Amino acid sequence: RLAGSLYLIIILCGLFAEVGARLNLIAYN
């Protein structure tokens, strides 16, 4: 259960950082 909980946090945090933050802020060109 601990491993699954850690994995869920990883997925949610990773998605937010990429889609919720970087995608809205960074124009790579």
PDB file of all heavy atoms in Angstrom:
ATOM      1  N   ARG A   1       0.840  -1.207   0.000  1.00  0.00           N
ATOM      2  CA  ARG A   1       0.000   0.000   0.000  1.00  0.00           C
ATOM      3  C   ARG A   1       0.874   1.256   0.000  1.00  0.00           C
ATOM      4  O   ARG A   1       0.551   2.252  -0.661  1.00  0.00           O
ATOM      5  CB  ARG A   1      -0.913   0.021   1.224  1.00  0.00           C
ATOM      6  CG  ARG A   1      -1.878  -1.156   1.321  1.00  0.00           C
ATOM      7  CD  ARG A   1      -2.978  -1.086   0.256  1.00  0.00           C
ATOM      8  NE  ARG A   1      -3.983  -2.106   0.500  1.00  0.00           N
ATOM      9  CZ  ARG A   1      -3.946  -3.344   0.003  1.00  0.00           C
ATOM     10  NH1 ARG A   1      -2.918  -3.709  -0.764  1.00  0.00           N
ATOM     11  NH2 ARG A   1      -4.900  -4.209   0.250  1.00  0.00           N
ATOM     12  N   LEU A   2       1.967   1.220   0.755  1.00  0.00           N
ATOM     13  CA  LEU A   2       2.879   2.358   0.795  1.00  0.00           C
ATOM     14  C   LEU A   2       3.482   2.610  -0.585  1.00  0.00           C
ATOM     15  O   LEU A   2       3.543   3.758  -1.053  1.00  0.00           O
ATOM     16  CB  LEU A   2       3.981   2.114   1.814  1.00  0.00           C
ATOM     17  CG  LEU A   2       5.095   3.177   1.890  1.00  0.00           C
ATOM     18  CD1 LEU A   2       4.515   4.543   2.222  1.00  0.00           C
ATOM     19  CD2 LEU A   2       6.154   2.758   2.914  1.00  0.00           C
ATOM     20  N   ALA A   3       3.921   1.532  -1.248  1.00  0.00           N
ATOM     21  CA  ALA A   3       4.489   1.674  -2.595  1.00  0.00           C
ATOM     22  C   ALA A   3       3.461   2.250  -3.556  1.00  0.00           C
ATOM     23  O   ALA A   3       3.772   3.147  -4.352  1.00  0.00           O
ATOM     24  CB  ALA A   3       4.988   0.315  -3.094  1.00  0.00           C
ATOM     25  N   GLY A   4       2.227   1.755  -3.483  1.00  0.00           N
ATOM     26  CA  GLY A   4       1.176   2.267  -4.351  1.00  0.00           C
ATOM     27  C   GLY A   4       0.875   3.729  -4.080  1.00  0.00           C
ATOM     28  O   GLY A   4       0.652   4.517  -5.011  1.00  0.00           O
ATOM     29  N   SER A   5       0.879   4.119  -2.816  1.00  0.00           N
ATOM     30  CA  SER A   5       0.627   5.520  -2.461  1.00  0.00           C
ATOM     31  C   SER A   5       1.741   6.424  -2.971  1.00  0.00           C
ATOM     32  O   SER A   5       1.490   7.519  -3.498  1.00  0.00           O
ATOM     33  CB  SER A   5       0.488   5.655  -0.942  1.00  0.00           C
ATOM     34  OG  SER A   5      -0.599   4.888  -0.458  1.00  0.00           O
ATOM     35  N   LEU A   6       2.977   5.975  -2.803  1.00  0.00           N
ATOM     36  CA  LEU A   6       4.109   6.747  -3.320  1.00  0.00           C
ATOM     37  C   LEU A   6       4.017   6.888  -4.839  1.00  0.00           C
ATOM     38  O   LEU A   6       4.256   7.975  -5.394  1.00  0.00           O
ATOM     39  CB  LEU A   6       5.423   6.072  -2.936  1.00  0.00           C
ATOM     40  CG  LEU A   6       5.818   6.143  -1.471  1.00  0.00           C
ATOM     41  CD1 LEU A   6       6.987   5.206  -1.180  1.00  0.00           C
ATOM     42  CD2 LEU A   6       6.183   7.572  -1.069  1.00  0.00           C
ATOM     43  N   TYR A   7       3.647   5.799  -5.495  1.00  0.00           N
ATOM     44  CA  TYR A   7       3.528   5.824  -6.953  1.00  0.00           C
ATOM     45  C   TYR A   7       2.449   6.804  -7.396  1.00  0.00           C
ATOM     46  O   TYR A   7       2.616   7.557  -8.365  1.00  0.00           O
ATOM     47  CB  TYR A   7       3.214   4.426  -7.488  1.00  0.00           C
ATOM     48  CG  TYR A   7       3.953   4.073  -8.750  1.00  0.00           C
ATOM     49  CD1 TYR A   7       4.527   2.813  -8.907  1.00  0.00           C
ATOM     50  CD2 TYR A   7       4.094   4.978  -9.786  1.00  0.00           C
ATOM     51  CE1 TYR A   7       5.218   2.479 -10.047  1.00  0.00           C
ATOM     52  CE2 TYR A   7       4.784   4.649 -10.937  1.00  0.00           C
ATOM     53  CZ  TYR A   7       5.349   3.398 -11.060  1.00  0.00           C
ATOM     54  OH  TYR A   7       6.037   3.074 -12.197  1.00  0.00           O
ATOM     55  N   LEU A   8       1.333   6.823  -6.679  1.00  0.00           N
ATOM     56  CA  LEU A   8       0.243   7.739  -7.027  1.00  0.00           C
ATOM     57  C   LEU A   8       0.684   9.195  -6.851  1.00  0.00           C
ATOM     58  O   LEU A   8       0.374  10.053  -7.699  1.00  0.00           O
ATOM     59  CB  LEU A   8      -0.976   7.446  -6.153  1.00  0.00           C
ATOM     60  CG  LEU A   8      -2.248   8.243  -6.479  1.00  0.00           C
ATOM     61  CD1 LEU A   8      -2.698   8.004  -7.919  1.00  0.00           C
ATOM     62  CD2 LEU A   8      -3.366   7.875  -5.502  1.00  0.00           C
ATOM     63  N   ILE A   9       1.414   9.474  -5.788  1.00  0.00           N
ATOM     64  CA  ILE A   9       1.930  10.835  -5.573  1.00  0.00           C
ATOM     65  C   ILE A   9       2.882  11.213  -6.703  1.00  0.00           C
ATOM     66  O   ILE A   9       2.837  12.339  -7.231  1.00  0.00           O
ATOM     67  CB  ILE A   9       2.635  10.934  -4.211  1.00  0.00           C
ATOM     68  CG1 ILE A   9       1.627  10.762  -3.074  1.00  0.00           C
ATOM     69  CG2 ILE A   9       3.356  12.280  -4.071  1.00  0.00           C
ATOM     70  CD1 ILE A   9       2.269  10.619  -1.709  1.00  0.00           C
ATOM     71  N   ILE A  10       3.742  10.274  -7.102  1.00  0.00           N
ATOM     72  CA  ILE A  10       4.682  10.520  -8.195  1.00  0.00           C
ATOM     73  C   ILE A  10       3.939  10.883  -9.479  1.00  0.00           C
ATOM     74  O   ILE A  10       4.272  11.860 -10.165  1.00  0.00           O
ATOM     75  CB  ILE A  10       5.574   9.278  -8.418  1.00  0.00           C
ATOM     76  CG1 ILE A  10       6.556   9.122  -7.259  1.00  0.00           C
ATOM     77  CG2 ILE A  10       6.333   9.381  -9.746  1.00  0.00           C
ATOM     78  CD1 ILE A  10       7.228   7.765  -7.209  1.00  0.00           C
ATOM     79  N   ILE A  11       2.917  10.115  -9.808  1.00  0.00           N
ATOM     80  CA  ILE A  11       2.165  10.347 -11.049  1.00  0.00           C
ATOM     81  C   ILE A  11       1.455  11.700 -11.002  1.00  0.00           C
ATOM     82  O   ILE A  11       1.519  12.489 -11.951  1.00  0.00           O
ATOM     83  CB  ILE A  11       1.173   9.202 -11.293  1.00  0.00           C
ATOM     84  CG1 ILE A  11       1.931   7.908 -11.608  1.00  0.00           C
ATOM     85  CG2 ILE A  11       0.211   9.547 -12.441  1.00  0.00           C
ATOM     86  CD1 ILE A  11       1.053   6.663 -11.614  1.00  0.00           C
ATOM     87  N   LEU A  12       0.780  11.980  -9.891  1.00  0.00           N
ATOM     88  CA  LEU A  12       0.026  13.228  -9.780  1.00  0.00           C
ATOM     89  C   LEU A  12       0.953  14.448  -9.796  1.00  0.00           C
ATOM     90  O   LEU A  12       0.681  15.443 -10.483  1.00  0.00           O
ATOM     91  CB  LEU A  12      -0.822  13.220  -8.514  1.00  0.00           C
ATOM     92  CG  LEU A  12      -1.975  12.210  -8.479  1.00  0.00           C
ATOM     93  CD1 LEU A  12      -2.683  12.248  -7.128  1.00  0.00           C
ATOM     94  CD2 LEU A  12      -2.964  12.479  -9.610  1.00  0.00           C
ATOM     95  N   CYS A  13       2.046  14.368  -9.045  1.00  0.00           N
ATOM     96  CA  CYS A  13       2.986  15.490  -9.022  1.00  0.00           C
ATOM     97  C   CYS A  13       3.653  15.683 -10.383  1.00  0.00           C
ATOM     98  O   CYS A  13       3.825  16.826 -10.840  1.00  0.00           O
ATOM     99  CB  CYS A  13       4.054  15.261  -7.948  1.00  0.00           C
ATOM    100  SG  CYS A  13       3.478  15.501  -6.262  1.00  0.00           S
ATOM    101  N   GLY A  14       4.021  14.584 -11.025  1.00  0.00           N
ATOM    102  CA  GLY A  14       4.653  14.684 -12.332  1.00  0.00           C
ATOM    103  C   GLY A  14       3.728  15.294 -13.364  1.00  0.00           C
ATOM    104  O   GLY A  14       4.140  16.146 -14.167  1.00  0.00           O
ATOM    105  N   LEU A  15       2.457  14.878 -13.354  1.00  0.00           N
ATOM    106  CA  LEU A  15       1.491  15.429 -14.303  1.00  0.00           C
ATOM    107  C   LEU A  15       1.251  16.912 -14.048  1.00  0.00           C
ATOM    108  O   LEU A  15       1.181  17.711 -14.987  1.00  0.00           O
ATOM    109  CB  LEU A  15       0.172  14.656 -14.220  1.00  0.00           C
ATOM    110  CG  LEU A  15       0.160  13.258 -14.844  1.00  0.00           C
ATOM    111  CD1 LEU A  15      -1.168  12.567 -14.568  1.00  0.00           C
ATOM    112  CD2 LEU A  15       0.404  13.337 -16.357  1.00  0.00           C
ATOM    113  N   PHE A  16       1.129  17.292 -12.768  1.00  0.00           N
ATOM    114  CA  PHE A  16       0.909  18.708 -12.480  1.00  0.00           C
ATOM    115  C   PHE A  16       2.108  19.549 -12.903  1.00  0.00           C
ATOM    116  O   PHE A  16       1.952  20.618 -13.507  1.00  0.00           O
ATOM    117  CB  PHE A  16       0.625  18.943 -11.001  1.00  0.00           C
ATOM    118  CG  PHE A  16       0.508  20.410 -10.671  1.00  0.00           C
ATOM    119  CD1 PHE A  16      -0.683  21.081 -10.911  1.00  0.00           C
ATOM    120  CD2 PHE A  16       1.596  21.117 -10.166  1.00  0.00           C
ATOM    121  CE1 PHE A  16      -0.787  22.443 -10.647  1.00  0.00           C
ATOM    122  CE2 PHE A  16       1.502  22.476  -9.902  1.00  0.00           C
ATOM    123  CZ  PHE A  16       0.299  23.133 -10.142  1.00  0.00           C
ATOM    124  N   ALA A  17       3.311  19.085 -12.572  1.00  0.00           N
ATOM    125  CA  ALA A  17       4.507  19.861 -12.901  1.00  0.00           C
ATOM    126  C   ALA A  17       4.631  20.067 -14.407  1.00  0.00           C
ATOM    127  O   ALA A  17       5.001  21.151 -14.864  1.00  0.00           O
ATOM    128  CB  ALA A  17       5.749  19.167 -12.351  1.00  0.00           C
ATOM    129  N   GLU A  18       4.292  19.028 -15.180  1.00  0.00           N
ATOM    130  CA  GLU A  18       4.437  19.117 -16.632  1.00  0.00           C
ATOM    131  C   GLU A  18       3.274  19.854 -17.279  1.00  0.00           C
ATOM    132  O   GLU A  18       3.472  20.803 -18.042  1.00  0.00           O
ATOM    133  CB  GLU A  18       4.563  17.711 -17.228  1.00  0.00           C
ATOM    134  CG  GLU A  18       4.722  17.677 -18.733  1.00  0.00           C
ATOM    135  CD  GLU A  18       5.992  18.343 -19.227  1.00  0.00           C
ATOM    136  OE1 GLU A  18       7.012  18.303 -18.499  1.00  0.00           O
ATOM    137  OE2 GLU A  18       5.965  18.914 -20.334  1.00  0.00           O
ATOM    138  N   VAL A  19       2.049  19.416 -16.967  1.00  0.00           N
ATOM    139  CA  VAL A  19       0.873  19.951 -17.654  1.00  0.00           C
ATOM    140  C   VAL A  19       0.360  21.219 -16.981  1.00  0.00           C
ATOM    141  O   VAL A  19      -0.033  22.181 -17.656  1.00  0.00           O
ATOM    142  CB  VAL A  19      -0.246  18.885 -17.716  1.00  0.00           C
ATOM    143  CG1 VAL A  19      -1.493  19.430 -18.407  1.00  0.00           C
ATOM    144  CG2 VAL A  19       0.251  17.636 -18.445  1.00  0.00           C
ATOM    145  N   GLY A  20       0.351  21.236 -15.657  1.00  0.00           N
ATOM    146  CA  GLY A  20      -0.195  22.382 -14.947  1.00  0.00           C
ATOM    147  C   GLY A  20       0.750  23.558 -14.854  1.00  0.00           C
ATOM    148  O   GLY A  20       0.309  24.714 -14.800  1.00  0.00           O
ATOM    149  N   ALA A  21       2.059  23.292 -14.853  1.00  0.00           N
ATOM    150  CA  ALA A  21       3.032  24.384 -14.679  1.00  0.00           C
ATOM    151  C   ALA A  21       3.824  24.637 -15.958  1.00  0.00           C
ATOM    152  O   ALA A  21       3.640  25.656 -16.620  1.00  0.00           O
ATOM    153  CB  ALA A  21       3.966  24.057 -13.513  1.00  0.00           C
ATOM    154  N   ARG A  22       4.716  23.717 -16.329  1.00  0.00           N
ATOM    155  CA  ARG A  22       5.633  23.988 -17.435  1.00  0.00           C
ATOM    156  C   ARG A  22       4.918  24.258 -18.757  1.00  0.00           C
ATOM    157  O   ARG A  22       5.308  25.151 -19.512  1.00  0.00           O
ATOM    158  CB  ARG A  22       6.620  22.831 -17.592  1.00  0.00           C
ATOM    159  CG  ARG A  22       7.658  22.770 -16.482  1.00  0.00           C
ATOM    160  CD  ARG A  22       8.767  21.802 -16.800  1.00  0.00           C
ATOM    161  NE  ARG A  22       8.329  20.415 -16.759  1.00  0.00           N
ATOM    162  CZ  ARG A  22       8.346  19.661 -15.652  1.00  0.00           C
ATOM    163  NH1 ARG A  22       8.748  20.185 -14.503  1.00  0.00           N
ATOM    164  NH2 ARG A  22       7.957  18.405 -15.697  1.00  0.00           N
ATOM    165  N   LEU A  23       3.888  23.503 -19.047  1.00  0.00           N
ATOM    166  CA  LEU A  23       3.184  23.667 -20.320  1.00  0.00           C
ATOM    167  C   LEU A  23       2.586  25.061 -20.453  1.00  0.00           C
ATOM    168  O   LEU A  23       2.474  25.599 -21.564  1.00  0.00           O
ATOM    169  CB  LEU A  23       2.080  22.604 -20.448  1.00  0.00           C
ATOM    170  CG  LEU A  23       1.389  22.496 -21.805  1.00  0.00           C
ATOM    171  CD1 LEU A  23       2.383  22.053 -22.875  1.00  0.00           C
ATOM    172  CD2 LEU A  23       0.229  21.507 -21.739  1.00  0.00           C
ATOM    173  N   ASN A  24       2.210  25.672 -19.336  1.00  0.00           N
ATOM    174  CA  ASN A  24       1.591  26.988 -19.354  1.00  0.00           C
ATOM    175  C   ASN A  24       2.597  28.129 -19.271  1.00  0.00           C
ATOM    176  O   ASN A  24       2.222  29.293 -19.490  1.00  0.00           O
ATOM    177  CB  ASN A  24       0.598  27.119 -18.193  1.00  0.00           C
ATOM    178  CG  ASN A  24      -0.611  26.220 -18.367  1.00  0.00           C
ATOM    179  OD1 ASN A  24      -1.237  26.231 -19.406  1.00  0.00           O
ATOM    180  ND2 ASN A  24      -0.917  25.433 -17.348  1.00  0.00           N
ATOM    181  N   LEU A  25       3.847  27.821 -18.958  1.00  0.00           N
ATOM    182  CA  LEU A  25       4.832  28.873 -18.730  1.00  0.00           C
ATOM    183  C   LEU A  25       5.937  28.928 -19.774  1.00  0.00           C
ATOM    184  O   LEU A  25       6.417  30.020 -20.111  1.00  0.00           O
ATOM    185  CB  LEU A  25       5.473  28.693 -17.344  1.00  0.00           C
ATOM    186  CG  LEU A  25       4.557  28.841 -16.131  1.00  0.00           C
ATOM    187  CD1 LEU A  25       5.329  28.526 -14.856  1.00  0.00           C
ATOM    188  CD2 LEU A  25       3.974  30.240 -16.070  1.00  0.00           C
ATOM    189  N   ILE A  26       6.351  27.786 -20.280  1.00  0.00           N
ATOM    190  CA  ILE A  26       7.571  27.733 -21.082  1.00  0.00           C
ATOM    191  C   ILE A  26       7.242  27.631 -22.570  1.00  0.00           C
ATOM    192  O   ILE A  26       6.532  26.715 -23.000  1.00  0.00           O
ATOM    193  CB  ILE A  26       8.454  26.549 -20.665  1.00  0.00           C
ATOM    194  CG1 ILE A  26       8.813  26.661 -19.177  1.00  0.00           C
ATOM    195  CG2 ILE A  26       9.722  26.497 -21.506  1.00  0.00           C
ATOM    196  CD1 ILE A  26       9.519  25.435 -18.623  1.00  0.00           C
ATOM    197  N   ALA A  27       7.762  28.582 -23.336  1.00  0.00           N
ATOM    198  CA  ALA A  27       7.738  28.515 -24.803  1.00  0.00           C
ATOM    199  C   ALA A  27       9.178  28.253 -25.233  1.00  0.00           C
ATOM    200  O   ALA A  27      10.018  29.155 -25.195  1.00  0.00           O
ATOM    201  CB  ALA A  27       7.213  29.814 -25.390  1.00  0.00           C
ATOM    202  N   TYR A  28       9.479  27.017 -25.601  1.00  0.00           N
ATOM    203  CA  TYR A  28      10.868  26.617 -25.798  1.00  0.00           C
ATOM    204  C   TYR A  28      11.533  27.289 -26.995  1.00  0.00           C
ATOM    205  O   TYR A  28      12.754  27.171 -27.162  1.00  0.00           O
ATOM    206  CB  TYR A  28      10.957  25.093 -25.917  1.00  0.00           C
ATOM    207  CG  TYR A  28      10.751  24.388 -24.597  1.00  0.00           C
ATOM    208  CD1 TYR A  28       9.534  23.781 -24.296  1.00  0.00           C
ATOM    209  CD2 TYR A  28      11.764  24.336 -23.650  1.00  0.00           C
ATOM    210  CE1 TYR A  28       9.340  23.141 -23.075  1.00  0.00           C
ATOM    211  CE2 TYR A  28      11.587  23.701 -22.429  1.00  0.00           C
ATOM    212  CZ  TYR A  28      10.366  23.106 -22.152  1.00  0.00           C
ATOM    213  OH  TYR A  28      10.176  22.472 -20.947  1.00  0.00           O
ATOM    214  N   ASN A  29      10.762  27.981 -27.809  1.00  0.00           N
ATOM    215  CA  ASN A  29      11.345  28.700 -28.943  1.00  0.00           C
ATOM    216  C   ASN A  29      11.269  30.222 -28.775  1.00  0.00           C
ATOM    217  O   ASN A  29      11.534  30.965 -29.720  1.00  0.00           O
ATOM    218  CB  ASN A  29      10.640  28.303 -30.242  1.00  0.00           C
ATOM    219  CG  ASN A  29       9.143  28.593 -30.200  1.00  0.00           C
ATOM    220  OD1 ASN A  29       8.613  28.918 -29.132  1.00  0.00           O
ATOM    221  ND2 ASN A  29       8.482  28.472 -31.332  1.00  0.00           N
TER     222      ASN A  29
END
